[in-house]
Amino acid sequence: MSSPLVRALTGVGGVVPSLIEALEAREATARGRVDRLREQIARLSEELSRVEVELSRWQITRQTVDEVLADVPVVAGADRVGDAESAVLPLADLVPVVLAAEVSGDAMVTSPAYRRILVVFAETSGPLRCKDVCAAVGLGMEAKHVEGMRSKLKRLVERQILAETEPGLFALSSRAGAR
């Protein structure tokens, strides 16, 4: 006497083909789920990459602002800010400038020396002369320092970050018209 399992395995009663068909159907279902999960993983990986790039940009921006705020020079005769809002608002003009420089890979503009120069302009309301900028960033008034600063300011004018409002007077381009 044989059991149903033995009969199924030996092919008695045609059970083996239906068992194989059932196994194939389950395998196809599992394969379909694997394919859908792989597609989902691929989509999520692409989205993760995009969000990681965005996160990196925000981290760089925050670090840049932290560095700028930590290295705020004192401009002779300028009023010091009394609260956090008035300290941050003038620097808001720098955010698009620094982001654009980072995106374009302009290492000159993102260098610490140029960031200090930009902070000086962000903290003042009017145009500055080279000597004023030299004093604000802690350089001497010797001709080599003043001429070096003039060269830096001219480079920033070429990049349309600063504007030369009059010969020898420089201001942030975003404020050049609002004197």
C-alpha atoms as a PDB file:
ATOM      1  CA  MET A   1       0.000   0.000   0.000  1.00  0.00           C
ATOM      2  CA  SER A   2       1.486   3.357  -0.936  1.00  0.00           C
ATOM      3  CA  SER A   3       0.952   6.722   0.709  1.00  0.00           C
ATOM      4  CA  PRO A   4      -0.262   9.837  -1.164  1.00  0.00           C
ATOM      5  CA  LEU A   5       3.269  11.247  -0.981  1.00  0.00           C
ATOM      6  CA  VAL A   6       4.742   8.168  -2.581  1.00  0.00           C
ATOM      7  CA  ARG A   7       2.064   8.205  -5.263  1.00  0.00           C
ATOM      8  CA  ALA A   8       2.709  11.944  -5.893  1.00  0.00           C
ATOM      9  CA  LEU A   9       6.432  11.401  -6.260  1.00  0.00           C
ATOM     10  CA  THR A  10       6.058   8.396  -8.501  1.00  0.00           C
ATOM     11  CA  GLY A  11       3.588  10.058 -10.789  1.00  0.00           C
ATOM     12  CA  VAL A  12       0.589   7.907  -9.976  1.00  0.00           C
ATOM     13  CA  GLY A  13      -2.550   9.860 -10.548  1.00  0.00           C
ATOM     14  CA  GLY A  14      -0.824  12.764 -12.343  1.00  0.00           C
ATOM     15  CA  VAL A  15       0.053  14.582  -9.112  1.00  0.00           C
ATOM     16  CA  VAL A  16       3.735  15.262  -9.981  1.00  0.00           C
ATOM     17  CA  PRO A  17       3.034  17.627 -12.899  1.00  0.00           C
ATOM     18  CA  SER A  18       0.631  19.718 -10.781  1.00  0.00           C
ATOM     19  CA  LEU A  19       3.179  19.857  -7.941  1.00  0.00           C
ATOM     20  CA  ILE A  20       5.874  21.062 -10.347  1.00  0.00           C
ATOM     21  CA  GLU A  21       3.456  23.615 -11.780  1.00  0.00           C
ATOM     22  CA  ALA A  22       2.659  24.843  -8.259  1.00  0.00           C
ATOM     23  CA  LEU A  23       6.383  25.116  -7.461  1.00  0.00           C
ATOM     24  CA  GLU A  24       7.042  26.976 -10.721  1.00  0.00           C
ATOM     25  CA  ALA A  25       4.164  29.373  -9.991  1.00  0.00           C
ATOM     26  CA  ARG A  26       5.536  30.125  -6.532  1.00  0.00           C
ATOM     27  CA  GLU A  27       9.037  30.562  -7.964  1.00  0.00           C
ATOM     28  CA  ALA A  28       7.693  32.989 -10.586  1.00  0.00           C
ATOM     29  CA  THR A  29       5.868  34.941  -7.871  1.00  0.00           C
ATOM     30  CA  ALA A  30       9.037  35.141  -5.780  1.00  0.00           C
ATOM     31  CA  ARG A  31      11.068  36.160  -8.852  1.00  0.00           C
ATOM     32  CA  GLY A  32       8.550  38.921  -9.588  1.00  0.00           C
ATOM     33  CA  ARG A  33       8.821  40.214  -6.008  1.00  0.00           C
ATOM     34  CA  VAL A  34      12.643  40.138  -6.256  1.00  0.00           C
ATOM     35  CA  ASP A  35      12.531  42.143  -9.493  1.00  0.00           C
ATOM     36  CA  ARG A  36      10.129  44.714  -7.990  1.00  0.00           C
ATOM     37  CA  LEU A  37      12.290  45.034  -4.861  1.00  0.00           C
ATOM     38  CA  ARG A  38      15.426  45.503  -6.973  1.00  0.00           C
ATOM     39  CA  GLU A  39      13.705  48.267  -8.949  1.00  0.00           C
ATOM     40  CA  GLN A  40      12.586  49.867  -5.694  1.00  0.00           C
ATOM     41  CA  ILE A  41      16.154  49.676  -4.322  1.00  0.00           C
ATOM     42  CA  ALA A  42      17.507  51.260  -7.523  1.00  0.00           C
ATOM     43  CA  ARG A  43      14.993  54.141  -7.269  1.00  0.00           C
ATOM     44  CA  LEU A  44      15.769  54.620  -3.580  1.00  0.00           C
ATOM     45  CA  SER A  45      19.517  54.546  -4.276  1.00  0.00           C
ATOM     46  CA  GLU A  46      19.128  57.290  -6.892  1.00  0.00           C
ATOM     47  CA  GLU A  47      17.028  59.375  -4.521  1.00  0.00           C
ATOM     48  CA  LEU A  48      19.528  58.779  -1.710  1.00  0.00           C
ATOM     49  CA  SER A  49      22.357  60.011  -3.937  1.00  0.00           C
ATOM     50  CA  ARG A  50      20.444  63.188  -4.815  1.00  0.00           C
ATOM     51  CA  VAL A  51      19.569  63.891  -1.186  1.00  0.00           C
ATOM     52  CA  GLU A  52      23.165  63.214  -0.066  1.00  0.00           C
ATOM     53  CA  VAL A  53      24.401  65.823  -2.573  1.00  0.00           C
ATOM     54  CA  GLU A  54      21.819  68.297  -1.268  1.00  0.00           C
ATOM     55  CA  LEU A  55      22.821  67.529   2.325  1.00  0.00           C
ATOM     56  CA  SER A  56      26.467  68.062   1.460  1.00  0.00           C
ATOM     57  CA  ARG A  57      25.683  71.473  -0.044  1.00  0.00           C
ATOM     58  CA  TRP A  58      23.764  72.493   3.081  1.00  0.00           C
ATOM     59  CA  GLN A  59      26.589  71.297   5.330  1.00  0.00           C
ATOM     60  CA  ILE A  60      29.156  73.251   3.298  1.00  0.00           C
ATOM     61  CA  THR A  61      26.933  76.328   3.456  1.00  0.00           C
ATOM     62  CA  ARG A  62      26.513  76.023   7.217  1.00  0.00           C
ATOM     63  CA  GLN A  63      30.248  75.467   7.715  1.00  0.00           C
ATOM     64  CA  THR A  64      31.030  78.475   5.541  1.00  0.00           C
ATOM     65  CA  VAL A  65      28.625  80.673   7.479  1.00  0.00           C
ATOM     66  CA  ASP A  66      30.093  79.358  10.764  1.00  0.00           C
ATOM     67  CA  GLU A  67      33.598  80.209   9.543  1.00  0.00           C
ATOM     68  CA  VAL A  68      32.521  83.642   8.353  1.00  0.00           C
ATOM     69  CA  LEU A  69      30.767  84.406  11.625  1.00  0.00           C
ATOM     70  CA  ALA A  70      33.731  83.124  13.654  1.00  0.00           C
ATOM     71  CA  ASP A  71      36.170  85.321  11.755  1.00  0.00           C
ATOM     72  CA  VAL A  72      34.247  88.587  11.668  1.00  0.00           C
ATOM     73  CA  PRO A  73      36.748  91.458  11.480  1.00  0.00           C
ATOM     74  CA  VAL A  74      36.205  94.826  13.069  1.00  0.00           C
ATOM     75  CA  VAL A  75      35.807  97.674  10.567  1.00  0.00           C
ATOM     76  CA  ALA A  76      37.113 100.982  11.884  1.00  0.00           C
ATOM     77  CA  GLY A  77      34.203 103.265  12.676  1.00  0.00           C
ATOM     78  CA  ALA A  78      31.551 100.626  11.992  1.00  0.00           C
ATOM     79  CA  ASP A  79      28.769 100.054  14.493  1.00  0.00           C
ATOM     80  CA  ARG A  80      28.945  96.664  16.141  1.00  0.00           C
ATOM     81  CA  VAL A  81      25.837  94.564  15.927  1.00  0.00           C
ATOM     82  CA  GLY A  82      23.794  94.183  19.071  1.00  0.00           C
ATOM     83  CA  ASP A  83      21.670  91.112  18.358  1.00  0.00           C
ATOM     84  CA  ALA A  84      21.772  87.904  16.364  1.00  0.00           C
ATOM     85  CA  GLU A  85      19.343  89.068  13.667  1.00  0.00           C
ATOM     86  CA  SER A  86      21.306  92.186  12.828  1.00  0.00           C
ATOM     87  CA  ALA A  87      24.499  90.093  12.772  1.00  0.00           C
ATOM     88  CA  VAL A  88      23.104  87.608  10.275  1.00  0.00           C
ATOM     89  CA  LEU A  89      21.132  89.881   7.937  1.00  0.00           C
ATOM     90  CA  PRO A  90      24.182  91.665   6.448  1.00  0.00           C
ATOM     91  CA  LEU A  91      25.807  88.295   5.856  1.00  0.00           C
ATOM     92  CA  ALA A  92      22.756  87.079   3.928  1.00  0.00           C
ATOM     93  CA  ASP A  93      24.149  88.877   0.872  1.00  0.00           C
ATOM     94  CA  LEU A  94      27.149  86.544   0.994  1.00  0.00           C
ATOM     95  CA  VAL A  95      25.259  83.241   0.914  1.00  0.00           C
ATOM     96  CA  PRO A  96      24.384  83.296  -2.827  1.00  0.00           C
ATOM     97  CA  VAL A  97      27.886  84.542  -3.660  1.00  0.00           C
ATOM     98  CA  VAL A  98      29.608  81.755  -1.711  1.00  0.00           C
ATOM     99  CA  LEU A  99      27.201  79.079  -2.993  1.00  0.00           C
ATOM    100  CA  ALA A 100      27.698  80.155  -6.606  1.00  0.00           C
ATOM    101  CA  ALA A 101      31.480  80.132  -6.118  1.00  0.00           C
ATOM    102  CA  GLU A 102      31.360  76.642  -4.588  1.00  0.00           C
ATOM    103  CA  VAL A 103      29.141  75.289  -7.367  1.00  0.00           C
ATOM    104  CA  SER A 104      31.401  76.758 -10.053  1.00  0.00           C
ATOM    105  CA  GLY A 105      34.513  75.513  -8.246  1.00  0.00           C
ATOM    106  CA  ASP A 106      35.913  79.038  -7.779  1.00  0.00           C
ATOM    107  CA  ALA A 107      38.425  78.278  -5.033  1.00  0.00           C
ATOM    108  CA  MET A 108      39.628  81.864  -5.013  1.00  0.00           C
ATOM    109  CA  VAL A 109      36.321  83.287  -3.799  1.00  0.00           C
ATOM    110  CA  THR A 110      35.857  80.509  -1.247  1.00  0.00           C
ATOM    111  CA  SER A 111      39.360  80.929   0.198  1.00  0.00           C
ATOM    112  CA  PRO A 112      39.608  82.309   3.752  1.00  0.00           C
ATOM    113  CA  ALA A 113      41.295  85.551   2.621  1.00  0.00           C
ATOM    114  CA  TYR A 114      38.512  86.400   0.164  1.00  0.00           C
ATOM    115  CA  ARG A 115      35.791  85.343   2.615  1.00  0.00           C
ATOM    116  CA  ARG A 116      37.225  87.808   5.166  1.00  0.00           C
ATOM    117  CA  ILE A 117      37.112  90.535   2.525  1.00  0.00           C
ATOM    118  CA  LEU A 118      33.494  89.692   1.693  1.00  0.00           C
ATOM    119  CA  VAL A 119      32.530  89.782   5.379  1.00  0.00           C
ATOM    120  CA  VAL A 120      33.988  93.288   5.640  1.00  0.00           C
ATOM    121  CA  PHE A 121      31.774  94.425   2.771  1.00  0.00           C
ATOM    122  CA  ALA A 122      28.746  92.603   4.170  1.00  0.00           C
ATOM    123  CA  GLU A 123      29.116  94.399   7.496  1.00  0.00           C
ATOM    124  CA  THR A 124      29.406  97.894   6.056  1.00  0.00           C
ATOM    125  CA  SER A 125      26.620  99.846   4.466  1.00  0.00           C
ATOM    126  CA  GLY A 126      28.641 101.910   2.008  1.00  0.00           C
ATOM    127  CA  PRO A 127      31.572 101.573  -0.343  1.00  0.00           C
ATOM    128  CA  LEU A 128      35.084 101.079   1.036  1.00  0.00           C
ATOM    129  CA  ARG A 129      38.566 102.044  -0.077  1.00  0.00           C
ATOM    130  CA  CYS A 130      41.432  99.544  -0.219  1.00  0.00           C
ATOM    131  CA  LYS A 131      42.988 100.992   2.943  1.00  0.00           C
ATOM    132  CA  ASP A 132      39.712 100.511   4.847  1.00  0.00           C
ATOM    133  CA  VAL A 133      39.576  96.866   3.801  1.00  0.00           C
ATOM    134  CA  CYS A 134      43.259  96.364   4.703  1.00  0.00           C
ATOM    135  CA  ALA A 135      42.603  97.756   8.176  1.00  0.00           C
ATOM    136  CA  ALA A 136      39.484  95.632   8.614  1.00  0.00           C
ATOM    137  CA  VAL A 137      41.258  92.371   7.771  1.00  0.00           C
ATOM    138  CA  GLY A 138      44.299  93.257   9.859  1.00  0.00           C
ATOM    139  CA  LEU A 139      46.809  94.108   7.140  1.00  0.00           C
ATOM    140  CA  GLY A 140      49.251  96.973   7.333  1.00  0.00           C
ATOM    141  CA  MET A 141      48.916 100.192   5.351  1.00  0.00           C
ATOM    142  CA  GLU A 142      52.159  99.676   3.420  1.00  0.00           C
ATOM    143  CA  ALA A 143      51.929 100.038  -0.351  1.00  0.00           C
ATOM    144  CA  LYS A 144      52.450  96.293  -0.909  1.00  0.00           C
ATOM    145  CA  HIS A 145      49.404  95.472   1.239  1.00  0.00           C
ATOM    146  CA  VAL A 146      47.214  98.170  -0.282  1.00  0.00           C
ATOM    147  CA  GLU A 147      48.147  97.199  -3.851  1.00  0.00           C
ATOM    148  CA  GLY A 148      47.664  93.505  -3.067  1.00  0.00           C
ATOM    149  CA  MET A 149      44.224  94.309  -1.668  1.00  0.00           C
ATOM    150  CA  ARG A 150      43.388  96.459  -4.719  1.00  0.00           C
ATOM    151  CA  SER A 151      44.253  93.473  -6.910  1.00  0.00           C
ATOM    152  CA  LYS A 152      41.936  91.192  -4.892  1.00  0.00           C
ATOM    153  CA  LEU A 153      39.122  93.729  -5.019  1.00  0.00           C
ATOM    154  CA  LYS A 154      39.521  94.108  -8.789  1.00  0.00           C
ATOM    155  CA  ARG A 155      39.291  90.307  -9.156  1.00  0.00           C
ATOM    156  CA  LEU A 156      36.041  90.381  -7.211  1.00  0.00           C
ATOM    157  CA  VAL A 157      34.801  93.173  -9.509  1.00  0.00           C
ATOM    158  CA  GLU A 158      35.654  90.996 -12.547  1.00  0.00           C
ATOM    159  CA  ARG A 159      33.524  88.216 -11.038  1.00  0.00           C
ATOM    160  CA  GLN A 160      30.720  90.771 -10.466  1.00  0.00           C
ATOM    161  CA  ILE A 161      30.749  90.137  -6.724  1.00  0.00           C
ATOM    162  CA  LEU A 162      31.953  93.671  -5.985  1.00  0.00           C
ATOM    163  CA  ALA A 163      31.305  96.836  -7.939  1.00  0.00           C
ATOM    164  CA  GLU A 164      33.630  99.797  -8.198  1.00  0.00           C
ATOM    165  CA  THR A 165      31.112 102.547  -7.516  1.00  0.00           C
ATOM    166  CA  GLU A 166      33.718 105.288  -8.102  1.00  0.00           C
ATOM    167  CA  PRO A 167      37.416 104.986  -8.830  1.00  0.00           C
ATOM    168  CA  GLY A 168      38.909 103.392  -5.725  1.00  0.00           C
ATOM    169  CA  LEU A 169      35.574 102.783  -3.959  1.00  0.00           C
ATOM    170  CA  PHE A 170      34.242  99.238  -3.788  1.00  0.00           C
ATOM    171  CA  ALA A 171      30.912  97.794  -2.585  1.00  0.00           C
ATOM    172  CA  LEU A 172      29.044  94.510  -2.843  1.00  0.00           C
ATOM    173  CA  SER A 173      27.378  94.387  -6.261  1.00  0.00           C
ATOM    174  CA  SER A 174      24.036  93.671  -4.617  1.00  0.00           C
ATOM    175  CA  ARG A 175      24.285  97.028  -2.803  1.00  0.00           C
ATOM    176  CA  ALA A 176      26.117  99.120  -5.406  1.00  0.00           C
ATOM    177  CA  GLY A 177      22.960 100.858  -6.573  1.00  0.00           C
ATOM    178  CA  ALA A 178      21.562 101.399  -3.060  1.00  0.00           C
ATOM    179  CA  ARG A 179      23.994 103.978  -1.711  1.00  0.00           C
END
